[in-house]
Amino acid sequence: MAGAQPTLQDVMSALGVISGRLTAVEQKLQCLDNMDQRMAKMEKDIKTLWLDLDERVKKG
């Protein structure tokens, strides 16, 4: 049947697939957020080390 309407079962199945995909995307975004936080901390640590090194060079 070319113009048949999808059944509720078809709609629920499609929504389940969409929900699964959204969950996967949310997990990937969470990983990216965690990575962003780690990079920000690492940048802060590098700046601190750089300033400490610069002070030691100026004293020495």
Protein backbone atom coordinates (compact mmCIF):
# COMPACT_ATOMS: atom_id res chain seq x y z
CA MET A 1 0.00 0.00 0.00
CA ALA A 2 1.76 3.10 -1.28
CA GLY A 3 -0.02 5.75 0.82
CA ALA A 4 -0.63 3.78 3.99
CA GLN A 5 -0.23 5.49 7.35
CA PRO A 6 2.39 4.10 9.76
CA THR A 7 1.02 2.16 12.68
CA LEU A 8 1.59 3.19 16.27
CA GLN A 9 4.06 0.31 16.51
CA ASP A 10 6.01 1.78 13.57
CA VAL A 11 6.03 5.22 15.18
CA MET A 12 7.12 3.84 18.56
CA SER A 13 9.88 1.84 16.90
CA ALA A 14 11.15 4.92 15.06
CA LEU A 15 11.04 6.96 18.27
CA GLY A 16 13.04 4.26 20.04
CA VAL A 17 15.73 4.44 17.36
CA ILE A 18 15.80 8.24 17.59
CA SER A 19 16.05 8.06 21.37
CA GLY A 20 18.98 5.67 21.14
CA ARG A 21 20.79 7.97 18.73
CA LEU A 22 20.18 11.00 20.94
CA THR A 23 21.57 9.10 23.92
CA ALA A 24 24.71 8.27 21.94
CA VAL A 25 25.13 11.91 20.92
CA GLU A 26 24.67 13.06 24.53
CA GLN A 27 27.37 10.62 25.68
CA LYS A 28 29.77 11.92 23.03
CA LEU A 29 29.04 15.51 24.03
CA GLN A 30 29.69 14.62 27.67
CA CYS A 31 33.06 13.14 26.68
CA LEU A 32 33.91 16.32 24.78
CA ASP A 33 32.90 18.42 27.78
CA ASN A 34 35.14 16.35 30.06
CA MET A 35 38.00 16.70 27.59
CA ASP A 36 37.46 20.46 27.44
CA GLN A 37 37.65 20.67 31.24
CA ARG A 38 40.86 18.62 31.29
CA MET A 39 42.41 20.82 28.61
CA ALA A 40 41.50 23.98 30.53
CA LYS A 41 43.16 22.58 33.67
CA MET A 42 46.22 21.53 31.69
CA GLU A 43 46.51 25.01 30.14
CA LYS A 44 46.30 26.53 33.62
CA ASP A 45 49.01 24.16 34.89
CA ILE A 46 51.26 24.95 31.92
CA LYS A 47 50.86 28.69 32.50
CA THR A 48 51.75 28.22 36.18
CA LEU A 49 54.83 26.19 35.28
CA TRP A 50 55.84 28.75 32.66
CA LEU A 51 55.58 31.60 35.17
CA ASP A 52 57.59 29.65 37.76
CA LEU A 53 60.28 28.87 35.19
CA ASP A 54 60.37 32.50 34.07
CA GLU A 55 60.85 33.64 37.69
CA ARG A 56 63.72 31.17 38.23
CA VAL A 57 65.44 32.31 35.04
CA LYS A 58 65.14 35.97 36.10
CA LYS A 59 66.58 35.19 39.57
CA GLY A 60 69.35 32.98 38.31
